[in-house]
């Protein structure tokens, strides 16, 4: 519920900025509500109940799907740190998968996504590979060592679904980005 409210407030904020903002008090109230929602979510990300953590993780994604809101940097930073912790250390693999889907992709978060390619649970590894394929630019966001690590950990024979997801990322994502230039791919590695 909190995520839906934040999503609505952020959308109405961006639509009001597009028109002309006449009411500064309303804008200030919206930003205060969004900030309070982030403050409310933080302790729920560490709750002992798995379902509470799962709901909080899903609600956090609303903070990162909105257009650039420079007023929310403190809230977003705290939520990002908490999501990265959930992504790496949550006891529930479903919560780790949800955190992978919710965390924003930035220069700082890409290494954490890459770590999840080596997760204990197969579903988390596949989710990390899908997130890397869909949301990370292989050329701009990853260095040579990171690309090689993804292939090394993903193209193993121990797990067919991880192998298949890595192959799909390599063939459908990376090769497509390079316009199917095999020599260009080898240069990246």
C-alpha atoms as a PDB file:
ATOM      1  CA  UNK A   1       0.000   0.000   0.000  1.00  0.00           C
ATOM      2  CA  UNK A   2       2.804   2.399   0.868  1.00  0.00           C
ATOM      3  CA  UNK A   3       4.435   1.755  -2.500  1.00  0.00           C
ATOM      4  CA  UNK A   4       1.231   2.623  -4.351  1.00  0.00           C
ATOM      5  CA  UNK A   5       0.875   5.839  -2.367  1.00  0.00           C
ATOM      6  CA  UNK A   6       4.462   6.872  -3.064  1.00  0.00           C
ATOM      7  CA  UNK A   7       4.068   6.003  -6.726  1.00  0.00           C
ATOM      8  CA  UNK A   8       0.926   8.155  -6.942  1.00  0.00           C
ATOM      9  CA  UNK A   9       2.571  11.065  -5.113  1.00  0.00           C
ATOM     10  CA  UNK A  10       5.647  10.934  -7.338  1.00  0.00           C
ATOM     11  CA  UNK A  11       3.579  10.812 -10.514  1.00  0.00           C
ATOM     12  CA  UNK A  12       1.396  13.704  -9.425  1.00  0.00           C
ATOM     13  CA  UNK A  13       4.520  15.646  -8.460  1.00  0.00           C
ATOM     14  CA  UNK A  14       6.085  15.204 -11.891  1.00  0.00           C
ATOM     15  CA  UNK A  15       2.829  16.076 -13.686  1.00  0.00           C
ATOM     16  CA  UNK A  16       2.476  19.228 -11.607  1.00  0.00           C
ATOM     17  CA  UNK A  17       6.027  20.270 -12.442  1.00  0.00           C
ATOM     18  CA  UNK A  18       5.273  19.789 -16.116  1.00  0.00           C
ATOM     19  CA  UNK A  19       2.331  22.197 -15.990  1.00  0.00           C
ATOM     20  CA  UNK A  20       3.161  25.119 -13.714  1.00  0.00           C
ATOM     21  CA  UNK A  21       3.551  24.860 -10.028  1.00  0.00           C
ATOM     22  CA  UNK A  22       1.333  27.416  -8.304  1.00  0.00           C
ATOM     23  CA  UNK A  23       0.994  25.772  -4.945  1.00  0.00           C
ATOM     24  CA  UNK A  24       4.327  25.446  -3.125  1.00  0.00           C
ATOM     25  CA  UNK A  25       2.638  24.229   0.040  1.00  0.00           C
ATOM     26  CA  UNK A  26       1.080  21.261  -1.740  1.00  0.00           C
ATOM     27  CA  UNK A  27       4.421  20.347  -3.281  1.00  0.00           C
ATOM     28  CA  UNK A  28       6.129  20.614   0.091  1.00  0.00           C
ATOM     29  CA  UNK A  29       3.431  18.402   1.645  1.00  0.00           C
ATOM     30  CA  UNK A  30       3.890  15.769  -1.061  1.00  0.00           C
ATOM     31  CA  UNK A  31       7.643  15.664  -0.608  1.00  0.00           C
ATOM     32  CA  UNK A  32       7.207  15.406   3.167  1.00  0.00           C
ATOM     33  CA  UNK A  33       4.782  12.487   2.727  1.00  0.00           C
ATOM     34  CA  UNK A  34       7.219  10.722   0.407  1.00  0.00           C
ATOM     35  CA  UNK A  35      10.073  11.264   2.851  1.00  0.00           C
ATOM     36  CA  UNK A  36       7.968   9.911   5.738  1.00  0.00           C
ATOM     37  CA  UNK A  37       7.015   6.869   3.659  1.00  0.00           C
ATOM     38  CA  UNK A  38      10.698   6.116   3.126  1.00  0.00           C
ATOM     39  CA  UNK A  39      11.332   6.517   6.842  1.00  0.00           C
ATOM     40  CA  UNK A  40       8.463   4.118   7.582  1.00  0.00           C
ATOM     41  CA  UNK A  41       9.822   1.505   5.159  1.00  0.00           C
ATOM     42  CA  UNK A  42      13.364   1.373   6.531  1.00  0.00           C
ATOM     43  CA  UNK A  43      12.637  -0.583   9.742  1.00  0.00           C
ATOM     44  CA  UNK A  44      10.283  -2.901   7.860  1.00  0.00           C
ATOM     45  CA  UNK A  45      13.139  -3.967   5.606  1.00  0.00           C
ATOM     46  CA  UNK A  46      14.759  -5.585   8.646  1.00  0.00           C
ATOM     47  CA  UNK A  47      11.599  -7.022  10.210  1.00  0.00           C
ATOM     48  CA  UNK A  48      11.804 -10.612  11.432  1.00  0.00           C
ATOM     49  CA  UNK A  49       8.767 -11.654   9.373  1.00  0.00           C
ATOM     50  CA  UNK A  50       9.626 -12.606   5.794  1.00  0.00           C
ATOM     51  CA  UNK A  51       6.309 -11.328   4.407  1.00  0.00           C
ATOM     52  CA  UNK A  52       6.779  -7.886   5.984  1.00  0.00           C
ATOM     53  CA  UNK A  53      10.268  -7.615   4.478  1.00  0.00           C
ATOM     54  CA  UNK A  54       8.909  -8.740   1.103  1.00  0.00           C
ATOM     55  CA  UNK A  55       6.199  -6.070   1.128  1.00  0.00           C
ATOM     56  CA  UNK A  56       8.691  -3.386   2.128  1.00  0.00           C
ATOM     57  CA  UNK A  57      11.099  -4.437  -0.630  1.00  0.00           C
ATOM     58  CA  UNK A  58       8.354  -4.237  -3.254  1.00  0.00           C
ATOM     59  CA  UNK A  59       7.249  -0.843  -1.913  1.00  0.00           C
ATOM     60  CA  UNK A  60      10.796   0.509  -2.209  1.00  0.00           C
ATOM     61  CA  UNK A  61      10.788   0.051  -5.971  1.00  0.00           C
ATOM     62  CA  UNK A  62       8.384   3.010  -6.292  1.00  0.00           C
ATOM     63  CA  UNK A  63      11.094   5.344  -5.045  1.00  0.00           C
ATOM     64  CA  UNK A  64      13.384   4.393  -7.912  1.00  0.00           C
ATOM     65  CA  UNK A  65      10.951   4.146 -10.833  1.00  0.00           C
ATOM     66  CA  UNK A  66       9.977   7.813 -10.733  1.00  0.00           C
ATOM     67  CA  UNK A  67      11.683  10.494 -12.769  1.00  0.00           C
ATOM     68  CA  UNK A  68      14.651  12.260 -11.190  1.00  0.00           C
ATOM     69  CA  UNK A  69      13.639  13.653  -7.831  1.00  0.00           C
ATOM     70  CA  UNK A  70      16.668  15.422  -6.435  1.00  0.00           C
ATOM     71  CA  UNK A  71      14.789  16.195  -3.207  1.00  0.00           C
ATOM     72  CA  UNK A  72      14.688  12.480  -2.368  1.00  0.00           C
ATOM     73  CA  UNK A  73      18.408  11.751  -2.475  1.00  0.00           C
ATOM     74  CA  UNK A  74      18.746  11.101   1.281  1.00  0.00           C
ATOM     75  CA  UNK A  75      15.714   8.817   1.346  1.00  0.00           C
ATOM     76  CA  UNK A  76      16.786   7.021  -1.824  1.00  0.00           C
ATOM     77  CA  UNK A  77      20.312   6.531  -0.507  1.00  0.00           C
ATOM     78  CA  UNK A  78      19.077   4.986   2.747  1.00  0.00           C
ATOM     79  CA  UNK A  79      16.630   2.743   0.918  1.00  0.00           C
ATOM     80  CA  UNK A  80      19.267   1.694  -1.621  1.00  0.00           C
ATOM     81  CA  UNK A  81      21.673   0.720   1.155  1.00  0.00           C
ATOM     82  CA  UNK A  82      18.936  -1.278   2.900  1.00  0.00           C
ATOM     83  CA  UNK A  83      17.944  -2.999  -0.364  1.00  0.00           C
ATOM     84  CA  UNK A  84      21.555  -3.921  -1.090  1.00  0.00           C
ATOM     85  CA  UNK A  85      21.770  -5.481   2.369  1.00  0.00           C
ATOM     86  CA  UNK A  86      18.535  -7.437   1.763  1.00  0.00           C
ATOM     87  CA  UNK A  87      19.805  -8.521  -1.655  1.00  0.00           C
ATOM     88  CA  UNK A  88      22.961  -9.992  -0.150  1.00  0.00           C
ATOM     89  CA  UNK A  89      21.906 -11.221   3.292  1.00  0.00           C
ATOM     90  CA  UNK A  90      18.172 -11.910   3.432  1.00  0.00           C
ATOM     91  CA  UNK A  91      17.440 -15.450   4.551  1.00  0.00           C
ATOM     92  CA  UNK A  92      14.603 -15.736   2.036  1.00  0.00           C
ATOM     93  CA  UNK A  93      15.646 -16.282  -1.562  1.00  0.00           C
ATOM     94  CA  UNK A  94      12.323 -14.751  -2.680  1.00  0.00           C
ATOM     95  CA  UNK A  95      13.236 -11.527  -0.878  1.00  0.00           C
ATOM     96  CA  UNK A  96      16.684 -11.546  -2.453  1.00  0.00           C
ATOM     97  CA  UNK A  97      15.020 -11.879  -5.872  1.00  0.00           C
ATOM     98  CA  UNK A  98      12.600  -9.035  -5.073  1.00  0.00           C
ATOM     99  CA  UNK A  99      15.496  -6.839  -3.934  1.00  0.00           C
ATOM    100  CA  UNK A 100      17.310  -7.517  -7.216  1.00  0.00           C
ATOM    101  CA  UNK A 101      14.216  -6.350  -9.092  1.00  0.00           C
ATOM    102  CA  UNK A 102      13.765  -3.274  -6.889  1.00  0.00           C
ATOM    103  CA  UNK A 103      17.288  -1.925  -6.553  1.00  0.00           C
ATOM    104  CA  UNK A 104      18.167   0.908  -8.946  1.00  0.00           C
ATOM    105  CA  UNK A 105      20.984   0.257 -11.388  1.00  0.00           C
ATOM    106  CA  UNK A 106      23.801   2.722 -10.813  1.00  0.00           C
ATOM    107  CA  UNK A 107      27.559   2.595 -11.002  1.00  0.00           C
ATOM    108  CA  UNK A 108      27.597   1.753  -7.290  1.00  0.00           C
ATOM    109  CA  UNK A 109      24.984  -1.033  -7.381  1.00  0.00           C
ATOM    110  CA  UNK A 110      26.241  -2.999 -10.407  1.00  0.00           C
ATOM    111  CA  UNK A 111      28.933  -4.825  -8.367  1.00  0.00           C
ATOM    112  CA  UNK A 112      26.257  -5.978  -5.912  1.00  0.00           C
ATOM    113  CA  UNK A 113      24.143  -7.333  -8.778  1.00  0.00           C
ATOM    114  CA  UNK A 114      27.214  -9.129 -10.117  1.00  0.00           C
ATOM    115  CA  UNK A 115      27.765 -10.768  -6.708  1.00  0.00           C
ATOM    116  CA  UNK A 116      24.297 -12.303  -6.893  1.00  0.00           C
ATOM    117  CA  UNK A 117      25.326 -14.252 -10.015  1.00  0.00           C
ATOM    118  CA  UNK A 118      27.217 -16.447  -7.549  1.00  0.00           C
ATOM    119  CA  UNK A 119      24.337 -16.792  -5.048  1.00  0.00           C
ATOM    120  CA  UNK A 120      23.621 -20.152  -3.423  1.00  0.00           C
ATOM    121  CA  UNK A 121      20.071 -20.315  -4.804  1.00  0.00           C
ATOM    122  CA  UNK A 122      19.494 -20.940  -8.485  1.00  0.00           C
ATOM    123  CA  UNK A 123      16.506 -18.581  -8.751  1.00  0.00           C
ATOM    124  CA  UNK A 124      18.519 -15.687  -7.326  1.00  0.00           C
ATOM    125  CA  UNK A 125      21.321 -16.307  -9.822  1.00  0.00           C
ATOM    126  CA  UNK A 126      18.875 -16.362 -12.725  1.00  0.00           C
ATOM    127  CA  UNK A 127      17.116 -13.211 -11.478  1.00  0.00           C
ATOM    128  CA  UNK A 128      20.476 -11.425 -11.222  1.00  0.00           C
ATOM    129  CA  UNK A 129      21.366 -12.457 -14.762  1.00  0.00           C
ATOM    130  CA  UNK A 130      17.997 -11.262 -16.067  1.00  0.00           C
ATOM    131  CA  UNK A 131      18.442  -7.924 -14.282  1.00  0.00           C
ATOM    132  CA  UNK A 132      21.934  -7.562 -15.734  1.00  0.00           C
ATOM    133  CA  UNK A 133      20.671  -8.350 -19.216  1.00  0.00           C
ATOM    134  CA  UNK A 134      17.685  -5.988 -19.031  1.00  0.00           C
ATOM    135  CA  UNK A 135      19.037  -3.073 -17.029  1.00  0.00           C
ATOM    136  CA  UNK A 136      22.839  -2.945 -17.343  1.00  0.00           C
ATOM    137  CA  UNK A 137      24.729  -1.742 -20.412  1.00  0.00           C
ATOM    138  CA  UNK A 138      27.510  -4.238 -21.060  1.00  0.00           C
ATOM    139  CA  UNK A 139      29.812  -1.623 -22.573  1.00  0.00           C
ATOM    140  CA  UNK A 140      29.282   1.402 -20.326  1.00  0.00           C
ATOM    141  CA  UNK A 141      28.348  -0.110 -16.954  1.00  0.00           C
ATOM    142  CA  UNK A 142      30.661  -3.129 -16.724  1.00  0.00           C
ATOM    143  CA  UNK A 143      34.420  -3.437 -16.951  1.00  0.00           C
ATOM    144  CA  UNK A 144      36.313  -6.313 -18.568  1.00  0.00           C
ATOM    145  CA  UNK A 145      36.824  -8.221 -15.320  1.00  0.00           C
ATOM    146  CA  UNK A 146      33.118  -8.023 -14.462  1.00  0.00           C
ATOM    147  CA  UNK A 147      32.078  -9.304 -17.894  1.00  0.00           C
ATOM    148  CA  UNK A 148      34.471 -12.243 -17.601  1.00  0.00           C
ATOM    149  CA  UNK A 149      33.215 -13.027 -14.073  1.00  0.00           C
ATOM    150  CA  UNK A 150      29.617 -13.126 -15.295  1.00  0.00           C
ATOM    151  CA  UNK A 151      30.561 -15.610 -17.985  1.00  0.00           C
ATOM    152  CA  UNK A 152      32.742 -17.664 -15.641  1.00  0.00           C
ATOM    153  CA  UNK A 153      30.074 -17.988 -12.953  1.00  0.00           C
ATOM    154  CA  UNK A 154      27.114 -18.202 -15.330  1.00  0.00           C
ATOM    155  CA  UNK A 155      28.344 -20.643 -17.961  1.00  0.00           C
ATOM    156  CA  UNK A 156      28.735 -23.607 -15.653  1.00  0.00           C
ATOM    157  CA  UNK A 157      27.423 -27.104 -16.101  1.00  0.00           C
ATOM    158  CA  UNK A 158      26.174 -27.428 -12.508  1.00  0.00           C
ATOM    159  CA  UNK A 159      22.941 -25.534 -13.182  1.00  0.00           C
ATOM    160  CA  UNK A 160      21.180 -25.543 -16.528  1.00  0.00           C
ATOM    161  CA  UNK A 161      18.902 -22.579 -15.799  1.00  0.00           C
ATOM    162  CA  UNK A 162      21.861 -20.364 -14.865  1.00  0.00           C
ATOM    163  CA  UNK A 163      23.697 -21.557 -17.970  1.00  0.00           C
ATOM    164  CA  UNK A 164      20.662 -20.840 -20.155  1.00  0.00           C
ATOM    165  CA  UNK A 165      20.149 -17.355 -18.660  1.00  0.00           C
ATOM    166  CA  UNK A 166      23.830 -16.532 -19.193  1.00  0.00           C
ATOM    167  CA  UNK A 167      23.700 -17.807 -22.763  1.00  0.00           C
ATOM    168  CA  UNK A 168      20.587 -15.695 -23.406  1.00  0.00           C
ATOM    169  CA  UNK A 169      22.350 -12.648 -21.962  1.00  0.00           C
ATOM    170  CA  UNK A 170      25.436 -13.307 -24.069  1.00  0.00           C
ATOM    171  CA  UNK A 171      23.636 -14.049 -27.337  1.00  0.00           C
ATOM    172  CA  UNK A 172      20.512 -11.925 -27.006  1.00  0.00           C
ATOM    173  CA  UNK A 173      21.870  -9.035 -24.986  1.00  0.00           C
ATOM    174  CA  UNK A 174      25.589  -8.523 -25.446  1.00  0.00           C
ATOM    175  CA  UNK A 175      25.784  -9.631 -29.059  1.00  0.00           C
ATOM    176  CA  UNK A 176      22.749  -7.538 -29.949  1.00  0.00           C
ATOM    177  CA  UNK A 177      24.352  -4.496 -28.316  1.00  0.00           C
ATOM    178  CA  UNK A 178      27.453  -5.094 -30.415  1.00  0.00           C
ATOM    179  CA  UNK A 179      25.372  -5.652 -33.560  1.00  0.00           C
ATOM    180  CA  UNK A 180      26.398  -9.327 -33.608  1.00  0.00           C
ATOM    181  CA  UNK A 181      30.096  -8.510 -34.017  1.00  0.00           C
ATOM    182  CA  UNK A 182      31.915 -11.529 -32.550  1.00  0.00           C
ATOM    183  CA  UNK A 183      35.306  -9.826 -32.783  1.00  0.00           C
ATOM    184  CA  UNK A 184      33.902  -6.837 -30.878  1.00  0.00           C
ATOM    185  CA  UNK A 185      32.677  -9.198 -28.160  1.00  0.00           C
ATOM    186  CA  UNK A 186      36.085 -10.811 -27.858  1.00  0.00           C
ATOM    187  CA  UNK A 187      37.645  -7.359 -27.505  1.00  0.00           C
ATOM    188  CA  UNK A 188      35.289  -6.639 -24.592  1.00  0.00           C
ATOM    189  CA  UNK A 189      36.495  -9.775 -22.845  1.00  0.00           C
END
